[in-house]
Amino acid sequence: MPDKRSVQMVIDLLDKESVVDFASISKALGGPSVQTVFRYLKRVSYRCSYSHKGKFYALHRPERYDRFGLWSHQGIHFSVDGSLKLTVRRMVREALNGATHKELQSRLRLRVHNTLLDLIQCGEICRSNLAGHFVYLHPDPEVGDAQLARREEMLAAQALSNEVSHAMAIEVLLVLIRFPGFRAGDVARHLKGHSPPIELRHVQVVFDRYDLDDVGEKGGPKRR
């Protein structure tokens, strides 16, 4: 009796349902052995979910994924890489500033502590303790050091931004309203002696925060 099964049956099922489990694929093929189902799956461009212990399947369509290489359907998550381990490894290595667990969890929508530990033990990534938090980095020392340096710069910029209160920003903006031709240095000199102190670095934060150019068309700040 001729075999009526075909790879197209699997493709049609995945195309129609978007996401299916193994049992559904087996049913569509007429309930063959596990080995037979996998034999047909090998001929299909698909990805297993990185969530739900990889129990769901979907067609691998590059246009589905976002800029992080991720795609979700009804709370089931997929990536261009397939497995969670490969996904976390890529995301850590590609991150300009390295990555924290919190950042990865937010992006992937699940905890990845164990995955990160496995990757470290395998030498696939490394980590560094910065300001009381682990930052996960590329295993290549040169790349990892560059990631860590950018992370330190980012934290320093955040700390400086946090120093500038709403009240301080208002003081800077009031000076600019009175003297629209002032540059950042001019504002800082005008506010010398202010309590609490408003220094040039604080003024520059306000310029950046409100998207102001330090030099406008007539030598003063302007909106971009």
N, C-alpha and C. Protein backbone atom coordinates (compact mmCIF):
# COMPACT_ATOMS: atom_id res chain seq x y z
N MET A 1 0.85 -1.20 0.00
CA MET A 1 0.00 0.00 0.00
C MET A 1 0.88 1.25 0.00
N PRO A 2 0.70 2.16 -0.93
CA PRO A 2 1.56 3.33 -1.03
C PRO A 2 1.45 4.23 0.19
N ASP A 3 2.59 4.86 0.56
CA ASP A 3 2.62 5.77 1.71
C ASP A 3 2.02 7.11 1.29
N LYS A 4 0.94 7.49 1.94
CA LYS A 4 0.25 8.74 1.60
C LYS A 4 0.81 9.94 2.36
N ARG A 5 1.77 9.67 3.22
CA ARG A 5 2.36 10.78 3.96
C ARG A 5 3.28 11.59 3.07
N SER A 6 3.43 12.87 3.43
CA SER A 6 4.35 13.73 2.68
C SER A 6 4.84 14.87 3.57
N VAL A 7 5.97 15.43 3.20
CA VAL A 7 6.50 16.59 3.91
C VAL A 7 5.53 17.75 3.82
N GLN A 8 4.83 17.85 2.69
CA GLN A 8 3.90 18.96 2.49
C GLN A 8 2.78 18.94 3.53
N MET A 9 2.42 17.75 4.01
CA MET A 9 1.39 17.65 5.04
C MET A 9 1.84 18.36 6.31
N VAL A 10 3.12 18.23 6.65
CA VAL A 10 3.66 18.90 7.83
C VAL A 10 3.70 20.40 7.60
N ILE A 11 4.17 20.81 6.43
CA ILE A 11 4.25 22.23 6.10
C ILE A 11 2.87 22.87 6.14
N ASP A 12 1.88 22.18 5.56
CA ASP A 12 0.51 22.72 5.53
C ASP A 12 -0.05 22.87 6.94
N LEU A 13 0.25 21.91 7.80
CA LEU A 13 -0.23 21.98 9.19
C LEU A 13 0.39 23.18 9.91
N LEU A 14 1.71 23.33 9.79
CA LEU A 14 2.40 24.44 10.45
C LEU A 14 1.98 25.78 9.87
N ASP A 15 1.69 25.79 8.58
CA ASP A 15 1.25 27.03 7.95
C ASP A 15 -0.15 27.42 8.42
N LYS A 16 -1.00 26.45 8.60
CA LYS A 16 -2.38 26.70 9.00
C LYS A 16 -2.48 27.07 10.49
N GLU A 17 -1.79 26.34 11.34
CA GLU A 17 -1.92 26.50 12.79
C GLU A 17 -0.88 27.43 13.41
N SER A 18 0.14 27.79 12.67
CA SER A 18 1.24 28.64 13.14
C SER A 18 2.14 27.93 14.15
N VAL A 19 1.55 27.42 15.23
CA VAL A 19 2.31 26.72 16.26
C VAL A 19 1.58 25.43 16.63
N VAL A 20 2.32 24.32 16.65
CA VAL A 20 1.71 23.02 16.98
C VAL A 20 2.66 22.22 17.86
N ASP A 21 2.12 21.22 18.52
CA ASP A 21 2.98 20.33 19.30
C ASP A 21 3.27 19.06 18.50
N PHE A 22 4.11 18.21 19.05
CA PHE A 22 4.54 17.00 18.35
C PHE A 22 3.36 16.07 18.07
N ALA A 23 2.45 15.97 19.04
CA ALA A 23 1.30 15.07 18.87
C ALA A 23 0.46 15.47 17.67
N SER A 24 0.32 16.78 17.43
CA SER A 24 -0.47 17.26 16.30
C SER A 24 0.20 16.91 14.97
N ILE A 25 1.51 17.01 14.94
CA ILE A 25 2.24 16.64 13.72
C ILE A 25 2.09 15.15 13.46
N SER A 26 2.23 14.37 14.51
CA SER A 26 2.08 12.92 14.38
C SER A 26 0.69 12.55 13.88
N LYS A 27 -0.33 13.20 14.40
CA LYS A 27 -1.71 12.93 13.99
C LYS A 27 -1.92 13.27 12.52
N ALA A 28 -1.34 14.41 12.09
CA ALA A 28 -1.49 14.82 10.69
C ALA A 28 -0.84 13.82 9.75
N LEU A 29 0.19 13.12 10.22
CA LEU A 29 0.89 12.13 9.40
C LEU A 29 0.28 10.73 9.54
N GLY A 30 -0.77 10.62 10.31
CA GLY A 30 -1.44 9.33 10.44
C GLY A 30 -0.97 8.49 11.60
N GLY A 31 -0.24 9.09 12.55
CA GLY A 31 0.19 8.37 13.75
C GLY A 31 1.33 7.40 13.55
N PRO A 32 2.36 7.75 12.81
CA PRO A 32 3.50 6.84 12.65
C PRO A 32 4.39 6.84 13.88
N SER A 33 5.51 6.15 13.82
CA SER A 33 6.44 6.11 14.94
C SER A 33 7.10 7.48 15.14
N VAL A 34 7.67 7.66 16.32
CA VAL A 34 8.37 8.92 16.61
C VAL A 34 9.50 9.14 15.61
N GLN A 35 10.23 8.09 15.31
CA GLN A 35 11.33 8.21 14.36
C GLN A 35 10.86 8.68 12.99
N THR A 36 9.70 8.19 12.58
CA THR A 36 9.17 8.57 11.27
C THR A 36 8.77 10.05 11.27
N VAL A 37 8.16 10.50 12.35
CA VAL A 37 7.77 11.92 12.43
C VAL A 37 9.00 12.80 12.33
N PHE A 38 10.05 12.44 13.06
CA PHE A 38 11.27 13.24 13.01
C PHE A 38 11.93 13.19 11.64
N ARG A 39 11.77 12.07 10.96
CA ARG A 39 12.33 11.97 9.61
C ARG A 39 11.67 12.98 8.67
N TYR A 40 10.37 13.18 8.84
CA TYR A 40 9.67 14.18 8.02
C TYR A 40 10.02 15.60 8.48
N LEU A 41 10.14 15.78 9.78
CA LEU A 41 10.47 17.10 10.30
C LEU A 41 11.83 17.59 9.81
N LYS A 42 12.77 16.65 9.67
CA LYS A 42 14.11 17.04 9.23
C LYS A 42 14.10 17.69 7.85
N ARG A 43 13.05 17.44 7.09
CA ARG A 43 12.96 17.99 5.73
C ARG A 43 12.17 19.30 5.69
N VAL A 44 11.82 19.80 6.88
CA VAL A 44 11.06 21.05 6.98
C VAL A 44 11.92 22.10 7.69
N SER A 45 11.86 23.33 7.22
CA SER A 45 12.57 24.42 7.89
C SER A 45 11.69 24.89 9.05
N TYR A 46 12.05 24.46 10.26
CA TYR A 46 11.22 24.77 11.42
C TYR A 46 12.10 25.18 12.60
N ARG A 47 11.47 25.67 13.66
CA ARG A 47 12.14 25.94 14.92
C ARG A 47 11.28 25.41 16.06
N CYS A 48 11.94 24.87 17.07
CA CYS A 48 11.25 24.52 18.31
C CYS A 48 11.17 25.76 19.18
N SER A 49 10.18 25.83 20.03
CA SER A 49 10.06 26.96 20.95
C SER A 49 11.20 26.93 21.95
N TYR A 50 11.71 28.10 22.31
CA TYR A 50 12.73 28.13 23.37
C TYR A 50 12.05 28.17 24.74
N SER A 51 10.75 28.43 24.76
CA SER A 51 9.98 28.34 26.00
C SER A 51 9.23 27.00 26.01
N HIS A 52 8.55 26.71 27.11
CA HIS A 52 7.74 25.49 27.22
C HIS A 52 8.56 24.23 26.93
N LYS A 53 9.85 24.26 27.31
CA LYS A 53 10.75 23.11 27.17
C LYS A 53 10.85 22.61 25.73
N GLY A 54 10.67 23.52 24.78
CA GLY A 54 10.85 23.17 23.37
C GLY A 54 9.79 22.25 22.80
N LYS A 55 8.59 22.21 23.39
CA LYS A 55 7.58 21.24 22.97
C LYS A 55 6.75 21.70 21.78
N PHE A 56 6.90 22.97 21.35
CA PHE A 56 6.11 23.47 20.23
C PHE A 56 6.98 23.72 19.00
N TYR A 57 6.33 23.64 17.84
CA TYR A 57 7.03 23.76 16.56
C TYR A 57 6.37 24.84 15.70
N ALA A 58 7.19 25.52 14.91
CA ALA A 58 6.68 26.54 13.99
C ALA A 58 7.60 26.61 12.78
N LEU A 59 7.05 27.01 11.66
CA LEU A 59 7.87 27.19 10.47
C LEU A 59 8.89 28.30 10.72
N HIS A 60 10.09 28.08 10.20
CA HIS A 60 11.14 29.09 10.33
C HIS A 60 10.98 30.09 9.19
N ARG A 61 10.41 31.25 9.51
CA ARG A 61 10.22 32.32 8.54
C ARG A 61 10.96 33.55 9.03
N PRO A 62 12.05 33.92 8.40
CA PRO A 62 12.89 35.04 8.86
C PRO A 62 12.11 36.34 9.09
N GLU A 63 11.08 36.59 8.29
CA GLU A 63 10.34 37.84 8.42
C GLU A 63 9.52 37.91 9.71
N ARG A 64 9.35 36.80 10.39
CA ARG A 64 8.57 36.78 11.63
C ARG A 64 9.30 37.43 12.80
N TYR A 65 10.62 37.33 12.79
CA TYR A 65 11.38 37.70 13.98
C TYR A 65 11.62 39.21 14.07
N ASP A 66 11.70 39.69 15.32
CA ASP A 66 11.99 41.11 15.52
C ASP A 66 13.49 41.34 15.41
N ARG A 67 13.93 42.55 15.73
CA ARG A 67 15.35 42.89 15.56
C ARG A 67 16.26 42.12 16.51
N PHE A 68 15.67 41.48 17.53
CA PHE A 68 16.46 40.65 18.43
C PHE A 68 16.42 39.17 18.02
N GLY A 69 15.77 38.89 16.89
CA GLY A 69 15.67 37.51 16.43
C GLY A 69 14.65 36.70 17.20
N LEU A 70 13.63 37.37 17.74
CA LEU A 70 12.61 36.69 18.56
C LEU A 70 11.23 36.84 17.95
N TRP A 71 10.38 35.85 18.23
CA TRP A 71 8.99 35.88 17.76
C TRP A 71 8.14 35.10 18.76
N SER A 72 6.96 35.61 19.04
CA SER A 72 6.06 34.94 19.99
C SER A 72 4.68 34.76 19.38
N HIS A 73 4.02 33.69 19.78
CA HIS A 73 2.65 33.42 19.33
C HIS A 73 1.88 32.84 20.50
N GLN A 74 0.87 33.59 20.96
CA GLN A 74 0.01 33.16 22.06
C GLN A 74 0.82 32.70 23.27
N GLY A 75 1.83 33.48 23.63
CA GLY A 75 2.62 33.20 24.81
C GLY A 75 3.67 32.13 24.64
N ILE A 76 3.86 31.66 23.41
CA ILE A 76 4.89 30.66 23.11
C ILE A 76 6.00 31.37 22.35
N HIS A 77 7.25 31.19 22.78
CA HIS A 77 8.34 32.01 22.28
C HIS A 77 9.33 31.21 21.42
N PHE A 78 9.74 31.86 20.33
CA PHE A 78 10.68 31.26 19.38
C PHE A 78 11.80 32.24 19.07
N SER A 79 12.92 31.70 18.60
CA SER A 79 14.01 32.56 18.16
C SER A 79 14.64 31.98 16.90
N VAL A 80 15.42 32.79 16.23
CA VAL A 80 16.10 32.32 15.01
C VAL A 80 17.06 31.18 15.34
N ASP A 81 17.51 31.12 16.60
CA ASP A 81 18.50 30.12 16.99
C ASP A 81 17.88 28.76 17.31
N GLY A 82 16.62 28.76 17.71
CA GLY A 82 15.97 27.52 18.09
C GLY A 82 15.94 27.34 19.59
N SER A 83 17.04 26.88 20.18
CA SER A 83 17.05 26.58 21.61
C SER A 83 17.29 27.81 22.46
N LEU A 84 16.93 27.72 23.72
CA LEU A 84 17.14 28.81 24.66
C LEU A 84 18.63 29.06 24.86
N LYS A 85 19.40 28.00 24.96
CA LYS A 85 20.84 28.13 25.20
C LYS A 85 21.52 28.89 24.06
N LEU A 86 21.21 28.54 22.83
CA LEU A 86 21.80 29.22 21.68
C LEU A 86 21.34 30.67 21.61
N THR A 87 20.09 30.90 21.99
CA THR A 87 19.53 32.26 21.95
C THR A 87 20.22 33.16 22.97
N VAL A 88 20.37 32.67 24.20
CA VAL A 88 21.02 33.46 25.24
C VAL A 88 22.48 33.71 24.88
N ARG A 89 23.15 32.70 24.37
CA ARG A 89 24.56 32.88 23.98
C ARG A 89 24.70 33.97 22.94
N ARG A 90 23.85 33.95 21.92
CA ARG A 90 23.93 34.98 20.87
C ARG A 90 23.64 36.36 21.44
N MET A 91 22.60 36.48 22.25
CA MET A 91 22.20 37.79 22.76
C MET A 91 23.27 38.39 23.67
N VAL A 92 23.93 37.56 24.47
CA VAL A 92 25.01 38.06 25.31
C VAL A 92 26.18 38.53 24.45
N ARG A 93 26.52 37.74 23.47
CA ARG A 93 27.68 38.06 22.63
C ARG A 93 27.43 39.29 21.75
N GLU A 94 26.18 39.50 21.36
CA GLU A 94 25.86 40.63 20.49
C GLU A 94 25.61 41.93 21.27
N ALA A 95 25.36 41.84 22.57
CA ALA A 95 25.02 43.02 23.36
C ALA A 95 26.20 43.99 23.43
N LEU A 96 26.00 45.23 23.03
CA LEU A 96 27.08 46.22 23.03
C LEU A 96 27.64 46.44 24.43
N ASN A 97 26.76 46.41 25.43
CA ASN A 97 27.16 46.66 26.81
C ASN A 97 27.16 45.39 27.66
N GLY A 98 27.23 44.22 27.02
CA GLY A 98 27.02 43.00 27.77
C GLY A 98 25.55 42.93 28.16
N ALA A 99 25.19 42.00 29.01
CA ALA A 99 23.78 41.84 29.39
C ALA A 99 23.68 41.35 30.82
N THR A 100 22.66 41.82 31.52
CA THR A 100 22.36 41.32 32.86
C THR A 100 21.22 40.30 32.76
N HIS A 101 21.06 39.52 33.82
CA HIS A 101 19.95 38.57 33.82
C HIS A 101 18.62 39.29 33.69
N LYS A 102 18.48 40.41 34.38
CA LYS A 102 17.23 41.17 34.34
C LYS A 102 16.91 41.60 32.91
N GLU A 103 17.91 42.07 32.19
CA GLU A 103 17.69 42.50 30.81
C GLU A 103 17.31 41.33 29.91
N LEU A 104 17.98 40.22 30.08
CA LEU A 104 17.68 39.03 29.27
C LEU A 104 16.29 38.49 29.61
N GLN A 105 15.96 38.46 30.89
CA GLN A 105 14.63 37.98 31.30
C GLN A 105 13.53 38.85 30.72
N SER A 106 13.75 40.16 30.72
CA SER A 106 12.75 41.07 30.17
C SER A 106 12.57 40.86 28.68
N ARG A 107 13.66 40.63 27.97
CA ARG A 107 13.59 40.45 26.53
C ARG A 107 13.03 39.08 26.15
N LEU A 108 13.45 38.04 26.86
CA LEU A 108 13.06 36.67 26.52
C LEU A 108 11.77 36.22 27.20
N ARG A 109 11.36 36.96 28.23
CA ARG A 109 10.11 36.70 28.96
C ARG A 109 10.15 35.40 29.77
N LEU A 110 11.33 35.05 30.23
CA LEU A 110 11.47 33.93 31.15
C LEU A 110 12.84 34.00 31.81
N ARG A 111 12.96 33.34 32.96
CA ARG A 111 14.22 33.36 33.70
C ARG A 111 15.26 32.49 33.01
N VAL A 112 16.49 32.96 33.04
CA VAL A 112 17.55 32.22 32.33
C VAL A 112 18.79 32.02 33.20
N HIS A 113 18.61 32.02 34.53
CA HIS A 113 19.75 31.85 35.44
C HIS A 113 20.51 30.56 35.14
N ASN A 114 19.79 29.45 35.06
CA ASN A 114 20.44 28.16 34.83
C ASN A 114 21.12 28.10 33.47
N THR A 115 20.50 28.70 32.49
CA THR A 115 21.09 28.73 31.14
C THR A 115 22.39 29.52 31.15
N LEU A 116 22.40 30.65 31.83
CA LEU A 116 23.62 31.46 31.92
C LEU A 116 24.74 30.69 32.62
N LEU A 117 24.41 29.98 33.70
CA LEU A 117 25.41 29.20 34.41
C LEU A 117 25.97 28.09 33.53
N ASP A 118 25.11 27.43 32.78
CA ASP A 118 25.56 26.38 31.86
C ASP A 118 26.52 26.95 30.81
N LEU A 119 26.19 28.12 30.28
CA LEU A 119 27.03 28.74 29.26
C LEU A 119 28.38 29.16 29.83
N ILE A 120 28.39 29.62 31.07
CA ILE A 120 29.66 29.98 31.71
C ILE A 120 30.52 28.75 31.92
N GLN A 121 29.90 27.68 32.41
CA GLN A 121 30.65 26.44 32.67
C GLN A 121 31.22 25.85 31.39
N CYS A 122 30.52 26.08 30.27
CA CYS A 122 31.01 25.58 28.98
C CYS A 122 32.00 26.53 28.32
N GLY A 123 32.22 27.70 28.92
CA GLY A 123 33.12 28.68 28.34
C GLY A 123 32.54 29.42 27.16
N GLU A 124 31.21 29.36 27.01
CA GLU A 124 30.57 30.02 25.88
C GLU A 124 30.38 31.52 26.12
N ILE A 125 30.31 31.92 27.39
CA ILE A 125 30.24 33.33 27.77
C ILE A 125 31.05 33.48 29.06
N CYS A 126 31.27 34.71 29.49
CA CYS A 126 31.87 34.93 30.80
C CYS A 126 31.07 36.01 31.52
N ARG A 127 31.47 36.36 32.74
CA ARG A 127 30.73 37.37 33.47
C ARG A 127 31.67 38.18 34.35
N SER A 128 31.21 39.36 34.75
CA SER A 128 31.97 40.23 35.63
C SER A 128 31.00 40.90 36.61
N ASN A 129 31.45 41.05 37.85
CA ASN A 129 30.62 41.70 38.87
C ASN A 129 30.86 43.20 38.79
N LEU A 130 29.82 43.94 38.46
CA LEU A 130 29.92 45.39 38.32
C LEU A 130 28.81 46.04 39.15
N ALA A 131 29.21 46.86 40.12
CA ALA A 131 28.26 47.56 40.97
C ALA A 131 27.28 46.60 41.64
N GLY A 132 27.77 45.42 42.02
CA GLY A 132 26.93 44.46 42.73
C GLY A 132 26.05 43.60 41.87
N HIS A 133 26.22 43.70 40.55
CA HIS A 133 25.41 42.90 39.63
C HIS A 133 26.31 42.22 38.61
N PHE A 134 25.94 40.98 38.24
CA PHE A 134 26.71 40.28 37.22
C PHE A 134 26.35 40.82 35.83
N VAL A 135 27.37 41.09 35.05
CA VAL A 135 27.20 41.46 33.65
C VAL A 135 27.79 40.31 32.83
N TYR A 136 27.01 39.77 31.93
CA TYR A 136 27.44 38.63 31.13
C TYR A 136 28.03 39.14 29.82
N LEU A 137 29.18 38.55 29.45
CA LEU A 137 30.01 39.11 28.38
C LEU A 137 30.46 38.06 27.38
N HIS A 138 30.95 38.55 26.26
CA HIS A 138 31.55 37.71 25.23
C HIS A 138 32.78 37.01 25.81
N PRO A 139 33.02 35.75 25.47
CA PRO A 139 34.18 35.04 26.05
C PRO A 139 35.52 35.54 25.53
N ASP A 140 35.55 36.18 24.36
CA ASP A 140 36.79 36.74 23.85
C ASP A 140 37.17 37.94 24.74
N PRO A 141 38.33 37.92 25.38
CA PRO A 141 38.70 38.98 26.33
C PRO A 141 38.64 40.39 25.74
N GLU A 142 39.07 40.54 24.51
CA GLU A 142 39.06 41.87 23.89
C GLU A 142 37.64 42.39 23.70
N VAL A 143 36.76 41.51 23.20
CA VAL A 143 35.36 41.90 22.99
C VAL A 143 34.66 42.11 24.33
N GLY A 144 34.89 41.20 25.26
CA GLY A 144 34.26 41.30 26.57
C GLY A 144 34.69 42.55 27.33
N ASP A 145 35.98 42.90 27.24
CA ASP A 145 36.46 44.11 27.91
C ASP A 145 35.81 45.35 27.32
N ALA A 146 35.62 45.36 26.00
CA ALA A 146 34.96 46.50 25.35
C ALA A 146 33.50 46.60 25.79
N GLN A 147 32.82 45.46 25.91
CA GLN A 147 31.44 45.47 26.41
C GLN A 147 31.38 46.03 27.82
N LEU A 148 32.31 45.59 28.67
CA LEU A 148 32.32 46.03 30.06
C LEU A 148 32.62 47.52 30.18
N ALA A 149 33.53 48.01 29.34
CA ALA A 149 33.86 49.44 29.36
C ALA A 149 32.64 50.28 28.98
N ARG A 150 31.90 49.82 27.97
CA ARG A 150 30.69 50.56 27.57
C ARG A 150 29.62 50.49 28.67
N ARG A 151 29.55 49.36 29.36
CA ARG A 151 28.60 49.24 30.47
C ARG A 151 28.96 50.22 31.59
N GLU A 152 30.24 50.35 31.89
CA GLU A 152 30.67 51.29 32.92
C GLU A 152 30.34 52.73 32.53
N GLU A 153 30.55 53.05 31.25
CA GLU A 153 30.21 54.40 30.76
C GLU A 153 28.71 54.65 30.87
N MET A 154 27.92 53.63 30.55
CA MET A 154 26.47 53.75 30.63
C MET A 154 26.01 53.98 32.07
N LEU A 155 26.60 53.24 33.01
CA LEU A 155 26.23 53.40 34.42
C LEU A 155 26.63 54.77 34.95
N ALA A 156 27.80 55.26 34.51
CA ALA A 156 28.25 56.58 34.93
C ALA A 156 27.31 57.66 34.41
N ALA A 157 26.87 57.50 33.15
CA ALA A 157 25.94 58.47 32.56
C ALA A 157 24.59 58.44 33.28
N GLN A 158 24.14 57.24 33.65
CA GLN A 158 22.87 57.12 34.38
C GLN A 158 22.97 57.76 35.76
N ALA A 159 24.12 57.56 36.43
CA ALA A 159 24.32 58.15 37.75
C ALA A 159 24.31 59.68 37.67
N LEU A 160 24.97 60.20 36.65
CA LEU A 160 24.98 61.65 36.47
C LEU A 160 23.59 62.19 36.18
N SER A 161 22.86 61.48 35.33
CA SER A 161 21.50 61.90 35.00
C SER A 161 20.60 61.91 36.23
N ASN A 162 20.82 60.93 37.12
CA ASN A 162 20.02 60.85 38.34
C ASN A 162 20.30 62.00 39.30
N GLU A 163 21.51 62.58 39.16
CA GLU A 163 21.86 63.73 40.00
C GLU A 163 21.03 64.97 39.66
N VAL A 164 20.60 65.03 38.40
CA VAL A 164 19.89 66.23 37.93
C VAL A 164 18.40 66.08 38.24
N SER A 165 17.96 66.77 39.26
CA SER A 165 16.57 66.71 39.67
C SER A 165 15.70 67.54 38.73
N HIS A 166 14.39 67.37 38.89
CA HIS A 166 13.44 68.15 38.10
C HIS A 166 13.62 69.65 38.39
N ALA A 167 13.86 69.97 39.65
CA ALA A 167 14.04 71.38 40.04
C ALA A 167 15.28 71.98 39.39
N MET A 168 16.36 71.20 39.33
CA MET A 168 17.59 71.67 38.69
C MET A 168 17.36 71.91 37.20
N ALA A 169 16.64 71.01 36.56
CA ALA A 169 16.35 71.16 35.13
C ALA A 169 15.55 72.43 34.88
N ILE A 170 14.60 72.71 35.76
CA ILE A 170 13.78 73.92 35.61
C ILE A 170 14.66 75.17 35.70
N GLU A 171 15.63 75.18 36.63
CA GLU A 171 16.54 76.32 36.77
C GLU A 171 17.30 76.55 35.47
N VAL A 172 17.78 75.48 34.87
CA VAL A 172 18.53 75.60 33.61
C VAL A 172 17.62 76.14 32.51
N LEU A 173 16.42 75.61 32.41
CA LEU A 173 15.50 76.04 31.36
C LEU A 173 15.05 77.49 31.54
N LEU A 174 14.91 77.91 32.78
CA LEU A 174 14.55 79.31 33.04
C LEU A 174 15.64 80.25 32.56
N VAL A 175 16.89 79.85 32.76
CA VAL A 175 18.00 80.67 32.26
C VAL A 175 17.96 80.76 30.74
N LEU A 176 17.65 79.66 30.10
CA LEU A 176 17.60 79.64 28.63
C LEU A 176 16.44 80.48 28.10
N ILE A 177 15.36 80.54 28.85
CA ILE A 177 14.23 81.40 28.44
C ILE A 177 14.64 82.87 28.51
N ARG A 178 15.38 83.22 29.55
CA ARG A 178 15.83 84.62 29.71
C ARG A 178 16.96 84.96 28.75
N PHE A 179 17.82 83.96 28.50
CA PHE A 179 18.99 84.19 27.64
C PHE A 179 19.05 83.10 26.56
N PRO A 180 18.21 83.19 25.54
CA PRO A 180 18.11 82.13 24.53
C PRO A 180 19.40 81.89 23.74
N GLY A 181 20.34 82.81 23.80
CA GLY A 181 21.59 82.61 23.08
C GLY A 181 22.66 81.90 23.89
N PHE A 182 22.34 81.55 25.14
CA PHE A 182 23.34 80.92 26.01
C PHE A 182 23.68 79.50 25.56
N ARG A 183 24.96 79.19 25.67
CA ARG A 183 25.42 77.82 25.51
C ARG A 183 25.47 77.17 26.90
N ALA A 184 25.82 75.87 26.91
CA ALA A 184 25.84 75.15 28.19
C ALA A 184 26.81 75.81 29.17
N GLY A 185 27.97 76.20 28.68
CA GLY A 185 28.95 76.85 29.55
C GLY A 185 28.45 78.17 30.11
N ASP A 186 27.72 78.92 29.26
CA ASP A 186 27.17 80.20 29.72
C ASP A 186 26.15 79.97 30.84
N VAL A 187 25.32 78.96 30.67
CA VAL A 187 24.31 78.66 31.69
C VAL A 187 24.98 78.27 33.00
N ALA A 188 26.02 77.42 32.92
CA ALA A 188 26.72 76.98 34.12
C ALA A 188 27.34 78.17 34.85
N ARG A 189 27.92 79.11 34.11
CA ARG A 189 28.52 80.30 34.74
C ARG A 189 27.45 81.18 35.39
N HIS A 190 26.30 81.29 34.72
CA HIS A 190 25.21 82.10 35.25
C HIS A 190 24.67 81.51 36.55
N LEU A 191 24.71 80.20 36.67
CA LEU A 191 24.17 79.52 37.85
C LEU A 191 25.23 79.25 38.91
N LYS A 192 26.42 79.80 38.73
CA LYS A 192 27.48 79.60 39.71
C LYS A 192 27.04 80.14 41.07
N GLY A 193 27.24 79.36 42.10
CA GLY A 193 26.82 79.74 43.44
C GLY A 193 25.43 79.26 43.79
N HIS A 194 24.76 78.62 42.83
CA HIS A 194 23.42 78.09 43.10
C HIS A 194 23.51 76.96 44.13
N SER A 195 22.49 76.86 44.98
CA SER A 195 22.43 75.78 45.96
C SER A 195 21.15 74.99 45.77
N PRO A 196 21.26 73.67 45.51
CA PRO A 196 22.50 72.91 45.38
C PRO A 196 23.27 73.29 44.12
N PRO A 197 24.57 72.99 44.06
CA PRO A 197 25.39 73.39 42.92
C PRO A 197 24.87 72.80 41.61
N ILE A 198 24.86 73.64 40.58
CA ILE A 198 24.52 73.17 39.23
C ILE A 198 25.75 73.41 38.37
N GLU A 199 26.44 72.32 38.07
CA GLU A 199 27.70 72.41 37.34
C GLU A 199 27.47 72.20 35.85
N LEU A 200 28.55 72.41 35.09
CA LEU A 200 28.46 72.27 33.64
C LEU A 200 27.97 70.88 33.24
N ARG A 201 28.45 69.84 33.94
CA ARG A 201 28.03 68.48 33.61
C ARG A 201 26.53 68.30 33.83
N HIS A 202 25.98 68.99 34.83
CA HIS A 202 24.54 68.91 35.07
C HIS A 202 23.77 69.65 33.97
N VAL A 203 24.29 70.80 33.57
CA VAL A 203 23.65 71.58 32.51
C VAL A 203 23.63 70.77 31.21
N GLN A 204 24.74 70.08 30.94
CA GLN A 204 24.80 69.29 29.71
C GLN A 204 23.78 68.16 29.72
N VAL A 205 23.53 67.59 30.90
CA VAL A 205 22.50 66.55 31.02
C VAL A 205 21.14 67.11 30.62
N VAL A 206 20.84 68.34 31.06
CA VAL A 206 19.56 68.96 30.71
C VAL A 206 19.48 69.20 29.20
N PHE A 207 20.57 69.66 28.61
CA PHE A 207 20.60 69.86 27.15
C PHE A 207 20.30 68.54 26.44
N ASP A 208 20.92 67.45 26.91
CA ASP A 208 20.71 66.14 26.29
C ASP A 208 19.30 65.62 26.56
N ARG A 209 18.83 65.83 27.78
CA ARG A 209 17.52 65.30 28.18
C ARG A 209 16.39 65.91 27.37
N TYR A 210 16.51 67.19 27.08
CA TYR A 210 15.46 67.89 26.34
C TYR A 210 15.81 68.07 24.86
N ASP A 211 16.82 67.29 24.43
CA ASP A 211 17.17 67.26 23.01
C ASP A 211 17.50 68.65 22.47
N LEU A 212 18.33 69.38 23.20
CA LEU A 212 18.75 70.72 22.81
C LEU A 212 20.16 70.68 22.24
N ASP A 213 20.39 71.43 21.19
CA ASP A 213 21.74 71.60 20.67
C ASP A 213 22.47 72.63 21.52
N ASP A 214 23.75 72.40 21.76
CA ASP A 214 24.54 73.37 22.52
C ASP A 214 24.71 74.67 21.74
N VAL A 215 24.75 74.57 20.40
CA VAL A 215 24.90 75.76 19.57
C VAL A 215 23.81 75.78 18.52
N GLY A 216 22.98 76.81 18.54
CA GLY A 216 21.89 76.92 17.56
C GLY A 216 22.30 77.78 16.40
N GLU A 217 21.33 78.19 15.61
CA GLU A 217 21.61 78.96 14.42
C GLU A 217 22.26 80.31 14.74
N LYS A 218 21.92 80.88 15.90
CA LYS A 218 22.47 82.17 16.29
C LYS A 218 23.38 82.03 17.50
N GLY A 219 23.94 80.83 17.64
CA GLY A 219 24.89 80.62 18.72
C GLY A 219 24.27 80.15 20.01
N GLY A 220 22.97 79.89 20.04
CA GLY A 220 22.30 79.46 21.25
C GLY A 220 21.62 78.13 21.06
N PRO A 221 21.07 77.59 22.15
CA PRO A 221 20.40 76.29 22.08
C PRO A 221 19.19 76.33 21.16
N LYS A 222 18.90 75.20 20.56
CA LYS A 222 17.70 75.08 19.74
C LYS A 222 17.19 73.65 19.79
N ARG A 223 15.97 73.44 19.43
CA ARG A 223 15.41 72.10 19.33
C ARG A 223 15.93 71.46 18.05
N ARG A 224 16.21 70.14 18.14
CA ARG A 224 16.62 69.42 16.93
C ARG A 224 15.39 69.14 16.09
